[in-house]
Amino acid sequence: MPQGPGVLLGPGDDAAVVTAPDGRVVVSTDLLVEGRHFRRDWSSGYDVGRKAAAQNLADIAAMGATPTSMVVALGMPADLPLSWIDELTLGFRDECALVGASVVGGDLARSDTVVIGVTALGTLSGQAPVTRSAAKAGHIVAISGRLGHAAAGLALLESGHLPTPPSSDPTPPLPTTPTPPPPPTCELTTPPTGSTTTPPSAPNPTDPPHPAPTDPASAPTAQASAPTAQASAPTNSAAPPHSAPAPTDPASELADPASASTGAASGPRASEFEASELAGLASGPSAQGLAPTDPGSASTEPDSSVPGVVGPGRSAAWAADSGMRGAASQAVVSGEALAEAGVGAAGVEGLLLEAVEGHRRPRPPYKSGPEAARLGASAMMDVSDGLLQDLGHIAKASGVRIVLDPAAFAVDEPVLAAAKELGADPLDWVLAGGEDHALVAVFPPEVRLPPEWRIVGRIEAGEGVTVTGRDDGPRGWDHFKG
């Protein structure tokens, strides 16, 4: 594992030594359990490594900090293929490379199923931490990153619509020299200035698949980000409760089905794996208030489904009332419009595959966290358990009411394609799906936001979370239900 400049002593001793130039250390931890948070027949070791690292790194970024290092603990069955462990290691390596973080240590033990514990560290680089408790009436709510991809991908996998093999990392395992980080589209370009969440459960007939929204009345008002405590399903049979974002070219990562490990591959087993080798790892069809439209025919006529909405996602009254700046909306392509836009069967299949990759590998907007802190964000968190659920935590901690405008949300084509395929409401995935690890933040109204942030709501006096024109409450993933 490559070690960054902040690592004074890496793997090999009883503990690692890292620098803390800011004098403060931001710490977050998460636990992933096979059958509860991932399935080896749906995700490769590389996928799981990327996902496990991403959800922890996103928590650090959500505090306005830059991730610097992490430690990983791995529990595994004796018959786990070494190839799967190698892929897992590479996944951690490549995700950490996006933010310049290092895997500096870890531990391993034998267990009945694969269990991964990750603790991530970060630095605030002189900034104050951005918490959940300082949102104020009159402030605006904005999103950076994607929503709905992970939930759409999970729904496709659970429905059997896309039985593709899990993707594997194309690079050779355990390189001895550092390699360039993955796709530049996710790369953090300014690490010096700063830059987890629990997922899916098994498709058990008695256990409704997540991220199906829960009854608002039964949704908890506060959710801890601690590890889940639920009996795991049999190995390779449980369905993850959340979803994760997708790589730039998902098709290329699925080109070699034979390279994907599903837990039944032959070759060296974990029982032959010496602890010293862990040094590498020690390391409804139409959304209400969001009637999809062809971008080429965006109308400026009021949307009759939501009072006051103008255009493909703009409420003039809403924007004026909350002091919103800039375009908060994007045109949305409906499922039916995909064909009209020239997206044939092969193109639609590619969109569905991209949605599935969204479940396997999140793509958090890491640099947006420190950026939000510099802009003066009053509250922030990553979207791991569903937007409504997570905003409920901010509303409760700050003692405010959060109002969302459904017309301000852009629904990406992979999510729309999946919704059309399954006859689902895409906005349900956007509002209540988890594990995309987008960042949601609250800003004073005078702040001019960069283009990667889109305004979706406002803060008012009161309590709870509401969606204009919809009967939505704090829905999302509950770690101790379903």
Protein backbone atom coordinates (compact mmCIF):
# COMPACT_ATOMS: atom_id res chain seq x y z
CA MET A 1 0.00 0.00 0.00
CA PRO A 2 1.43 3.42 -0.94
CA GLN A 3 2.03 5.64 2.12
CA GLY A 4 1.44 9.38 1.98
CA PRO A 5 3.61 12.18 3.43
CA GLY A 6 1.47 12.32 6.57
CA VAL A 7 2.47 8.77 7.57
CA LEU A 8 5.50 8.73 9.86
CA LEU A 9 5.31 4.99 10.53
CA GLY A 10 3.16 2.66 8.45
CA PRO A 11 2.32 -1.06 8.61
CA GLY A 12 4.77 -3.37 10.39
CA ASP A 13 4.71 -2.26 14.03
CA ASP A 14 2.11 -2.59 16.79
CA ALA A 15 0.65 0.76 15.76
CA ALA A 16 1.06 3.33 13.03
CA VAL A 17 2.18 6.92 13.57
CA VAL A 18 0.60 9.71 11.53
CA THR A 19 0.96 13.47 11.66
CA ALA A 20 -1.73 15.84 12.96
CA PRO A 21 -0.53 19.23 11.70
CA ASP A 22 -3.85 20.88 12.54
CA GLY A 23 -3.63 19.69 16.15
CA ARG A 24 -7.02 18.00 15.74
CA VAL A 25 -7.95 14.64 14.19
CA VAL A 26 -11.34 13.84 12.64
CA VAL A 27 -12.27 10.18 13.21
CA SER A 28 -15.06 8.01 11.80
CA THR A 29 -15.67 4.26 11.79
CA ASP A 30 -17.99 1.85 9.98
CA LEU A 31 -18.67 -1.87 9.92
CA LEU A 32 -19.66 -3.94 6.88
CA VAL A 33 -21.07 -7.43 7.27
CA GLU A 34 -21.45 -9.83 4.36
CA GLY A 35 -25.08 -10.58 3.68
CA ARG A 36 -26.11 -7.38 5.38
CA HIS A 37 -24.11 -4.74 3.54
CA PHE A 38 -22.80 -6.55 0.49
CA ARG A 39 -23.08 -9.85 -1.38
CA ARG A 40 -20.12 -11.58 -2.97
CA ASP A 41 -22.29 -12.83 -5.84
CA TRP A 42 -23.22 -9.21 -6.62
CA SER A 43 -19.95 -7.42 -5.87
CA SER A 44 -16.29 -8.36 -6.36
CA GLY A 45 -13.68 -7.93 -3.67
CA TYR A 46 -12.52 -4.81 -5.51
CA ASP A 47 -16.06 -3.38 -5.43
CA VAL A 48 -16.36 -4.04 -1.71
CA GLY A 49 -12.97 -2.43 -1.03
CA ARG A 50 -13.93 0.71 -2.95
CA LYS A 51 -17.31 0.87 -1.22
CA ALA A 52 -15.96 0.27 2.30
CA ALA A 53 -13.33 2.97 1.86
CA ALA A 54 -15.73 5.42 0.21
CA GLN A 55 -18.36 5.40 2.94
CA ASN A 56 -15.72 6.17 5.57
CA LEU A 57 -13.91 8.80 3.53
CA ALA A 58 -17.26 10.48 2.82
CA ASP A 59 -17.92 10.80 6.56
CA ILE A 60 -14.62 12.65 6.96
CA ALA A 61 -15.43 14.96 4.03
CA ALA A 62 -18.89 15.61 5.49
CA MET A 63 -17.22 17.23 8.52
CA GLY A 64 -15.43 19.64 6.18
CA ALA A 65 -12.18 17.70 6.57
CA THR A 66 -9.65 16.06 4.26
CA PRO A 67 -9.14 12.28 4.71
CA THR A 68 -5.55 11.37 5.54
CA SER A 69 -5.40 7.73 6.62
CA MET A 70 -7.37 4.68 7.67
CA VAL A 71 -6.99 1.32 9.39
CA VAL A 72 -8.86 -1.81 8.30
CA ALA A 73 -9.87 -4.90 10.29
CA LEU A 74 -10.94 -8.01 8.37
CA GLY A 75 -12.79 -11.07 9.64
CA MET A 76 -13.03 -13.89 7.07
CA PRO A 77 -13.88 -17.57 6.64
CA ALA A 78 -10.97 -19.98 6.15
CA ASP A 79 -12.11 -20.82 2.62
CA LEU A 80 -12.22 -17.22 1.36
CA PRO A 81 -10.17 -17.13 -1.88
CA LEU A 82 -6.95 -15.17 -1.65
CA SER A 83 -7.85 -13.57 -4.98
CA TRP A 84 -10.86 -11.94 -3.31
CA ILE A 85 -8.63 -10.55 -0.55
CA ASP A 86 -6.19 -9.22 -3.15
CA GLU A 87 -9.05 -7.47 -4.96
CA LEU A 88 -10.32 -6.03 -1.68
CA THR A 89 -6.88 -4.59 -1.00
CA LEU A 90 -6.74 -2.98 -4.42
CA GLY A 91 -10.17 -1.47 -3.90
CA PHE A 92 -9.03 0.21 -0.70
CA ARG A 93 -5.83 1.37 -2.37
CA ASP A 94 -7.56 2.97 -5.35
CA GLU A 95 -10.34 4.70 -3.41
CA CYS A 96 -7.86 6.14 -0.92
CA ALA A 97 -5.72 7.36 -3.82
CA LEU A 98 -8.56 9.68 -4.88
CA VAL A 99 -8.01 11.80 -1.79
CA GLY A 100 -4.35 11.07 -1.04
CA ALA A 101 -5.14 8.96 2.02
CA SER A 102 -3.15 5.90 3.15
CA VAL A 103 -4.10 2.55 4.67
CA VAL A 104 -1.66 2.51 7.60
CA GLY A 105 -2.56 -0.65 9.47
CA GLY A 106 -5.17 -3.23 10.38
CA ASP A 107 -5.90 -6.65 11.77
CA LEU A 108 -7.45 -9.91 10.67
CA ALA A 109 -9.24 -12.83 12.28
CA ARG A 110 -11.17 -15.91 11.28
CA SER A 111 -14.96 -15.54 11.26
CA ASP A 112 -18.00 -17.33 9.84
CA THR A 113 -18.61 -14.61 7.28
CA VAL A 114 -16.71 -11.64 5.86
CA VAL A 115 -16.73 -8.69 8.26
CA ILE A 116 -14.87 -5.46 7.51
CA GLY A 117 -14.24 -2.73 10.07
CA VAL A 118 -12.81 0.57 8.86
CA THR A 119 -11.67 3.60 10.83
CA ALA A 120 -10.79 6.73 8.84
CA LEU A 121 -8.85 9.78 10.01
CA GLY A 122 -8.75 13.28 8.60
CA THR A 123 -7.56 16.84 9.11
CA LEU A 124 -9.58 20.06 9.25
CA SER A 125 -6.67 22.11 7.89
CA GLY A 126 -7.48 25.03 10.16
CA GLN A 127 -11.22 25.08 9.44
CA ALA A 128 -13.94 24.64 12.05
CA PRO A 129 -15.75 21.29 11.79
CA VAL A 130 -19.14 21.43 10.08
CA THR A 131 -21.68 19.66 12.28
CA ARG A 132 -25.41 18.91 11.99
CA SER A 133 -26.53 21.38 14.63
CA ALA A 134 -26.09 24.94 13.32
CA ALA A 135 -28.67 25.21 10.50
CA LYS A 136 -30.81 28.36 10.86
CA ALA A 137 -34.13 29.57 9.48
CA GLY A 138 -33.58 31.44 6.23
CA HIS A 139 -30.62 29.29 5.17
CA ILE A 140 -30.69 27.19 1.99
CA VAL A 141 -30.19 23.44 1.50
CA ALA A 142 -27.92 22.20 -1.30
CA ILE A 143 -26.67 18.87 -2.64
CA SER A 144 -23.32 17.91 -4.17
CA GLY A 145 -23.05 14.50 -5.78
CA ARG A 146 -25.48 11.93 -7.14
CA LEU A 147 -28.70 10.63 -5.61
CA GLY A 148 -30.74 7.55 -6.45
CA HIS A 149 -28.08 5.55 -8.30
CA ALA A 150 -27.33 3.12 -5.48
CA ALA A 151 -30.99 2.48 -4.71
CA ALA A 152 -31.79 1.99 -8.40
CA GLY A 153 -28.90 -0.45 -8.82
CA LEU A 154 -29.92 -2.42 -5.76
CA ALA A 155 -33.51 -2.63 -6.98
CA LEU A 156 -32.31 -3.97 -10.35
CA LEU A 157 -30.14 -6.61 -8.68
CA GLU A 158 -32.92 -7.68 -6.33
CA SER A 159 -35.41 -7.92 -9.19
CA GLY A 160 -33.07 -10.09 -11.27
CA HIS A 161 -33.36 -7.70 -14.22
CA LEU A 162 -29.60 -7.43 -14.60
CA PRO A 163 -27.86 -10.66 -13.50
CA THR A 164 -24.40 -9.45 -14.52
CA PRO A 165 -21.26 -10.81 -12.80
CA PRO A 166 -19.57 -8.56 -10.23
CA SER A 167 -16.89 -6.32 -11.68
CA SER A 168 -13.23 -6.92 -10.93
CA ASP A 169 -10.27 -4.59 -10.91
CA PRO A 170 -8.39 -4.73 -14.22
CA THR A 171 -5.01 -4.00 -12.64
CA PRO A 172 -2.69 -6.75 -11.31
CA PRO A 173 -3.01 -7.50 -7.58
CA LEU A 174 -0.75 -6.10 -4.87
CA PRO A 175 1.54 -3.84 -6.90
CA THR A 176 4.86 -3.01 -5.29
CA THR A 177 4.91 0.56 -6.56
CA PRO A 178 2.24 3.25 -6.34
CA THR A 179 -0.07 3.48 -9.33
CA PRO A 180 -2.01 6.50 -10.58
CA PRO A 181 -5.43 6.93 -9.02
CA PRO A 182 -8.55 5.77 -10.91
CA PRO A 183 -10.80 7.89 -13.14
CA PRO A 184 -9.91 11.58 -13.07
CA THR A 185 -13.63 12.36 -12.87
CA CYS A 186 -13.56 11.49 -9.16
CA GLU A 187 -10.07 12.73 -8.41
CA LEU A 188 -9.51 15.28 -5.67
CA THR A 189 -7.25 17.90 -7.17
CA THR A 190 -6.59 20.00 -4.07
CA PRO A 191 -5.81 17.66 -1.17
CA PRO A 192 -3.66 20.19 0.75
CA THR A 193 -6.58 22.59 1.21
CA GLY A 194 -8.84 19.89 2.57
CA SER A 195 -11.07 17.76 1.22
CA THR A 196 -19.65 5.61 6.05
CA THR A 197 -23.49 4.21 6.53
CA THR A 198 -24.50 0.98 6.33
CA PRO A 199 -25.88 -0.79 3.28
CA PRO A 200 -28.09 -3.60 2.01
CA SER A 201 -29.79 -6.62 3.44
CA ALA A 202 -30.63 -10.02 2.08
CA PRO A 203 -33.57 -10.61 -0.26
CA ASN A 204 -35.57 -12.41 2.39
CA PRO A 205 -39.28 -12.76 1.69
CA THR A 206 -39.96 -11.68 5.26
CA ASP A 207 -37.51 -8.80 5.01
CA PRO A 208 -38.69 -6.04 2.63
CA PRO A 209 -35.83 -5.04 0.34
CA HIS A 210 -34.15 -1.75 1.14
CA PRO A 211 -34.29 1.00 0.01
CA ALA A 212 -38.07 0.59 -0.15
CA PRO A 213 -39.36 3.55 1.88
CA THR A 214 -40.64 2.84 5.35
CA ASP A 215 -43.84 4.19 6.78
CA PRO A 216 -43.15 7.81 7.77
CA ALA A 217 -44.93 7.21 11.04
CA SER A 218 -42.53 4.45 11.94
CA ALA A 219 -39.37 6.15 10.71
CA PRO A 220 -36.96 6.97 13.52
CA THR A 221 -36.28 10.60 14.28
CA ALA A 222 -32.61 10.03 14.75
CA GLN A 223 -30.28 7.37 13.43
CA ALA A 224 -26.86 6.52 14.71
CA SER A 225 -24.13 5.93 12.20
CA ALA A 226 -22.90 3.03 14.27
CA PRO A 227 -22.55 -0.48 12.88
CA THR A 228 -25.71 -2.45 12.25
CA ALA A 229 -26.74 -5.12 14.71
CA GLN A 230 -28.79 -7.64 12.84
CA ALA A 231 -28.31 -11.31 12.18
CA SER A 232 -26.65 -11.73 8.84
CA ALA A 233 -28.11 -13.91 6.16
CA PRO A 234 -26.32 -17.00 4.82
CA THR A 235 -23.09 -16.33 3.00
CA ASN A 236 -23.58 -15.08 -0.56
CA SER A 237 -27.33 -14.89 -0.16
CA ALA A 238 -28.08 -11.65 1.63
CA ALA A 239 -29.05 -8.46 -0.08
CA PRO A 240 -27.39 -5.18 0.81
CA PRO A 241 -29.69 -2.59 2.38
CA HIS A 242 -28.27 0.38 0.54
CA SER A 243 -26.77 1.36 -2.73
CA ALA A 244 -23.57 2.85 -4.12
CA PRO A 245 -22.52 5.07 -7.12
CA ALA A 246 -20.92 3.95 -10.41
CA PRO A 247 -17.60 4.15 -12.28
CA THR A 248 -17.12 6.15 -15.45
CA ASP A 249 -17.04 3.13 -17.72
CA PRO A 250 -18.88 0.29 -15.97
CA ALA A 251 -18.95 -1.88 -19.06
CA SER A 252 -15.17 -2.10 -19.21
CA GLU A 253 -15.03 -3.31 -15.62
CA LEU A 254 -17.34 -6.19 -16.39
CA ALA A 255 -15.49 -7.30 -19.46
CA ASP A 256 -13.97 -10.35 -17.82
CA PRO A 257 -16.66 -12.32 -15.94
CA ALA A 258 -14.19 -15.08 -15.19
CA SER A 259 -12.10 -12.74 -13.09
CA ALA A 260 -14.93 -12.08 -10.62
CA SER A 261 -14.74 -13.98 -7.34
CA THR A 262 -18.05 -15.10 -5.89
CA GLY A 263 -16.73 -17.03 -2.95
CA ALA A 264 -16.61 -20.34 -4.82
CA ALA A 265 -13.41 -19.83 -6.78
CA SER A 266 -10.57 -22.30 -6.58
CA GLY A 267 -7.00 -21.49 -5.59
CA PRO A 268 -5.35 -20.42 -2.32
CA ARG A 269 -7.67 -19.98 0.63
CA ALA A 270 -7.66 -17.56 3.52
CA SER A 271 -6.46 -20.33 5.84
CA GLU A 272 -3.16 -20.22 3.93
CA PHE A 273 -2.93 -16.47 4.29
CA GLU A 274 -0.17 -15.35 6.66
CA ALA A 275 -0.96 -12.40 8.88
CA SER A 276 2.15 -10.65 7.63
CA GLU A 277 0.60 -10.43 4.18
CA LEU A 278 -2.05 -8.14 5.56
CA ALA A 279 0.55 -5.39 5.37
CA GLY A 280 -0.98 -4.78 1.96
CA LEU A 281 -4.40 -4.44 3.51
CA ALA A 282 -3.21 -3.32 6.89
CA SER A 283 -3.95 -1.10 5.13
CA GLY A 284 -44.90 5.07 -9.66
CA PRO A 285 -43.63 5.69 -12.90
CA SER A 286 -43.90 9.47 -12.87
CA ALA A 287 -42.59 11.36 -9.86
CA GLN A 288 -45.08 13.82 -8.46
CA GLY A 289 -43.81 17.32 -8.93
CA LEU A 290 -41.04 15.97 -11.19
CA ALA A 291 -42.86 15.19 -14.41
CA PRO A 292 -39.86 14.13 -16.54
CA THR A 293 -39.41 16.17 -19.67
CA ASP A 294 -37.23 16.07 -22.74
CA PRO A 295 -34.39 18.56 -22.23
CA GLY A 296 -34.98 19.88 -25.70
CA SER A 297 -38.55 20.79 -24.91
CA ALA A 298 -38.23 22.29 -21.43
CA SER A 299 -41.29 24.41 -20.90
CA THR A 300 -41.58 27.64 -19.01
CA GLU A 301 -45.26 26.99 -18.37
CA PRO A 302 -46.26 26.26 -14.79
CA ASP A 303 -46.23 22.60 -13.81
CA SER A 304 -49.79 21.86 -12.77
CA SER A 305 -48.70 19.04 -10.49
CA VAL A 306 -46.94 21.40 -8.07
CA PRO A 307 -48.28 24.91 -7.40
CA GLY A 308 -45.83 27.66 -8.28
CA VAL A 309 -43.39 25.51 -10.26
CA VAL A 310 -42.05 27.12 -13.40
CA GLY A 311 -40.08 25.25 -16.05
CA PRO A 312 -38.47 21.82 -15.76
CA GLY A 313 -37.71 22.19 -12.08
CA ARG A 314 -37.86 25.83 -11.08
CA SER A 315 -40.26 27.43 -8.67
CA ALA A 316 -40.12 31.21 -9.06
CA ALA A 317 -42.01 31.80 -5.83
CA TRP A 318 -39.89 29.22 -4.06
CA ALA A 319 -36.61 30.72 -5.26
CA ALA A 320 -37.64 34.28 -4.49
CA ASP A 321 -38.92 33.33 -1.06
CA SER A 322 -35.70 31.60 -0.03
CA GLY A 323 -33.21 33.91 -1.72
CA MET A 324 -31.86 31.13 -3.94
CA ARG A 325 -29.12 32.05 -6.38
CA GLY A 326 -28.34 30.39 -9.68
CA ALA A 327 -30.18 27.64 -11.50
CA ALA A 328 -31.29 25.02 -9.03
CA SER A 329 -32.76 22.73 -11.63
CA GLN A 330 -31.71 20.56 -14.53
CA ALA A 331 -33.77 19.13 -17.35
CA VAL A 332 -34.83 15.54 -16.85
CA VAL A 333 -35.25 12.88 -19.53
CA SER A 334 -38.19 10.54 -19.00
CA GLY A 335 -37.97 6.81 -19.61
CA GLU A 336 -40.14 7.15 -22.73
CA ALA A 337 -37.95 10.01 -23.95
CA LEU A 338 -34.87 7.79 -23.92
CA ALA A 339 -35.85 6.24 -27.25
CA GLU A 340 -36.76 9.64 -28.69
CA ALA A 341 -33.35 10.93 -27.66
CA GLY A 342 -31.68 8.17 -29.65
CA VAL A 343 -30.98 5.82 -26.76
CA GLY A 344 -31.57 2.37 -28.22
CA ALA A 345 -31.82 -0.99 -26.47
CA ALA A 346 -28.05 -1.24 -26.12
CA GLY A 347 -27.92 2.27 -24.69
CA VAL A 348 -30.64 1.52 -22.19
CA GLU A 349 -28.81 -1.65 -21.14
CA GLY A 350 -25.71 0.47 -20.58
CA LEU A 351 -27.70 2.87 -18.39
CA LEU A 352 -29.05 -0.04 -16.34
CA LEU A 353 -25.53 -1.38 -15.93
CA GLU A 354 -24.36 2.07 -14.81
CA ALA A 355 -27.10 2.08 -12.16
CA VAL A 356 -25.92 -1.33 -10.89
CA GLU A 357 -22.36 -0.04 -10.73
CA GLY A 358 -23.78 2.82 -8.68
CA HIS A 359 -24.75 0.27 -6.05
CA ARG A 360 -21.41 -1.50 -6.16
CA ARG A 361 -19.14 1.53 -5.96
CA PRO A 362 -20.17 4.93 -4.55
CA ARG A 363 -18.70 8.11 -5.98
CA PRO A 364 -18.71 10.66 -3.15
CA PRO A 365 -17.84 14.28 -4.03
CA TYR A 366 -14.92 14.36 -1.61
CA LYS A 367 -13.61 17.82 -2.43
CA SER A 368 -17.04 19.36 -1.86
CA GLY A 369 -16.79 18.78 1.90
CA PRO A 370 -13.80 21.06 2.61
CA GLU A 371 -15.16 23.42 -0.04
CA ALA A 372 -18.46 23.74 1.86
CA ALA A 373 -16.56 24.44 5.07
CA ARG A 374 -14.62 27.26 3.38
CA LEU A 375 -17.88 28.69 2.01
CA GLY A 376 -19.32 28.88 5.51
CA ALA A 377 -21.71 25.91 5.57
CA SER A 378 -23.71 25.87 8.80
CA ALA A 379 -24.53 22.14 8.72
CA MET A 380 -23.56 19.16 6.58
CA MET A 381 -23.60 15.35 6.38
CA ASP A 382 -23.22 12.63 3.78
CA VAL A 383 -26.31 10.89 2.41
CA SER A 384 -25.87 7.28 3.51
CA ASP A 385 -29.31 6.28 4.83
CA GLY A 386 -31.49 8.30 2.44
CA LEU A 387 -31.83 12.07 1.96
CA LEU A 388 -35.04 12.46 3.96
CA GLN A 389 -33.73 10.31 6.79
CA ASP A 390 -30.39 12.10 6.95
CA LEU A 391 -31.90 15.58 6.71
CA GLY A 392 -34.11 14.53 9.61
CA HIS A 393 -30.92 14.33 11.71
CA ILE A 394 -29.96 17.89 10.75
CA ALA A 395 -33.49 19.16 11.44
CA LYS A 396 -33.54 17.55 14.87
CA ALA A 397 -30.00 18.58 15.86
CA SER A 398 -30.57 22.19 14.72
CA GLY A 399 -34.16 22.50 15.94
CA VAL A 400 -35.47 23.60 12.53
CA ARG A 401 -37.84 22.56 9.75
CA ILE A 402 -36.43 21.61 6.35
CA VAL A 403 -38.59 22.11 3.25
CA LEU A 404 -37.53 20.47 -0.03
CA ASP A 405 -38.69 21.44 -3.53
CA PRO A 406 -39.19 18.22 -5.56
CA ALA A 407 -38.88 20.16 -8.81
CA ALA A 408 -35.33 21.18 -7.90
CA PHE A 409 -33.99 17.62 -8.08
CA ALA A 410 -32.35 16.39 -11.27
CA VAL A 411 -32.84 12.67 -11.90
CA ASP A 412 -30.00 11.11 -13.88
CA GLU A 413 -30.64 8.90 -16.92
CA PRO A 414 -29.47 5.62 -15.28
CA VAL A 415 -31.99 6.17 -12.49
CA LEU A 416 -34.77 7.01 -14.94
CA ALA A 417 -33.95 3.97 -17.07
CA ALA A 418 -34.10 1.71 -14.01
CA ALA A 419 -37.40 3.28 -12.93
CA LYS A 420 -38.90 2.63 -16.35
CA GLU A 421 -37.61 -0.95 -16.33
CA LEU A 422 -39.12 -1.68 -12.91
CA GLY A 423 -42.17 0.58 -13.05
CA ALA A 424 -40.91 2.59 -10.08
CA ASP A 425 -41.01 6.25 -9.08
CA PRO A 426 -37.44 7.56 -9.54
CA LEU A 427 -37.96 10.35 -7.04
CA ASP A 428 -38.51 7.75 -4.32
CA TRP A 429 -34.94 6.54 -4.90
CA VAL A 430 -33.62 10.09 -4.95
CA LEU A 431 -35.36 11.08 -1.71
CA ALA A 432 -35.20 7.84 0.27
CA GLY A 433 -32.44 5.71 -1.29
CA GLY A 434 -29.13 5.51 0.55
CA GLU A 435 -25.44 4.80 -0.04
CA ASP A 436 -24.78 7.30 -2.80
CA HIS A 437 -22.78 9.28 -0.23
CA ALA A 438 -23.60 12.62 -1.81
CA LEU A 439 -23.11 15.57 0.53
CA VAL A 440 -26.06 17.66 1.72
CA ALA A 441 -25.22 21.00 3.32
CA VAL A 442 -26.93 24.12 4.64
CA PHE A 443 -25.61 27.57 3.70
CA PRO A 444 -26.46 31.19 4.52
CA PRO A 445 -28.61 32.60 1.67
CA GLU A 446 -25.97 35.12 0.57
CA VAL A 447 -23.42 32.41 -0.30
CA ARG A 448 -22.83 31.98 -4.03
CA LEU A 449 -22.43 28.27 -4.57
CA PRO A 450 -20.08 26.67 -7.13
CA PRO A 451 -21.76 24.70 -9.96
CA GLU A 452 -21.27 21.33 -8.29
CA TRP A 453 -23.80 22.35 -5.62
CA ARG A 454 -27.51 22.53 -6.47
CA ILE A 455 -30.08 24.17 -4.23
CA VAL A 456 -32.97 21.88 -3.33
CA GLY A 457 -34.58 23.37 -0.25
CA ARG A 458 -34.69 25.89 2.55
CA ILE A 459 -34.69 26.06 6.34
CA GLU A 460 -37.70 27.37 8.25
CA ALA A 461 -38.73 27.67 11.87
CA GLY A 462 -40.38 24.48 13.08
CA GLU A 463 -39.37 20.84 13.02
CA GLY A 464 -39.09 17.84 10.71
CA VAL A 465 -38.61 17.46 6.95
CA THR A 466 -41.30 18.07 4.32
CA VAL A 467 -41.39 17.84 0.53
CA THR A 468 -43.61 20.38 -1.22
CA GLY A 469 -46.58 18.69 -2.88
CA ARG A 470 -45.74 15.22 -1.56
CA ASP A 471 -46.71 13.26 1.51
CA ASP A 472 -43.12 12.40 2.45
CA GLY A 473 -41.56 12.09 5.88
CA PRO A 474 -38.10 11.04 7.07
CA ARG A 475 -37.93 7.79 5.14
CA GLY A 476 -34.74 5.85 4.52
CA TRP A 477 -32.68 2.95 5.76
CA ASP A 478 -33.21 1.80 9.34
CA HIS A 479 -30.35 -0.41 10.56
CA PHE A 480 -32.56 -2.28 13.02
CA LYS A 481 -35.68 -2.83 10.91
CA GLY A 482 -36.44 -4.92 7.84
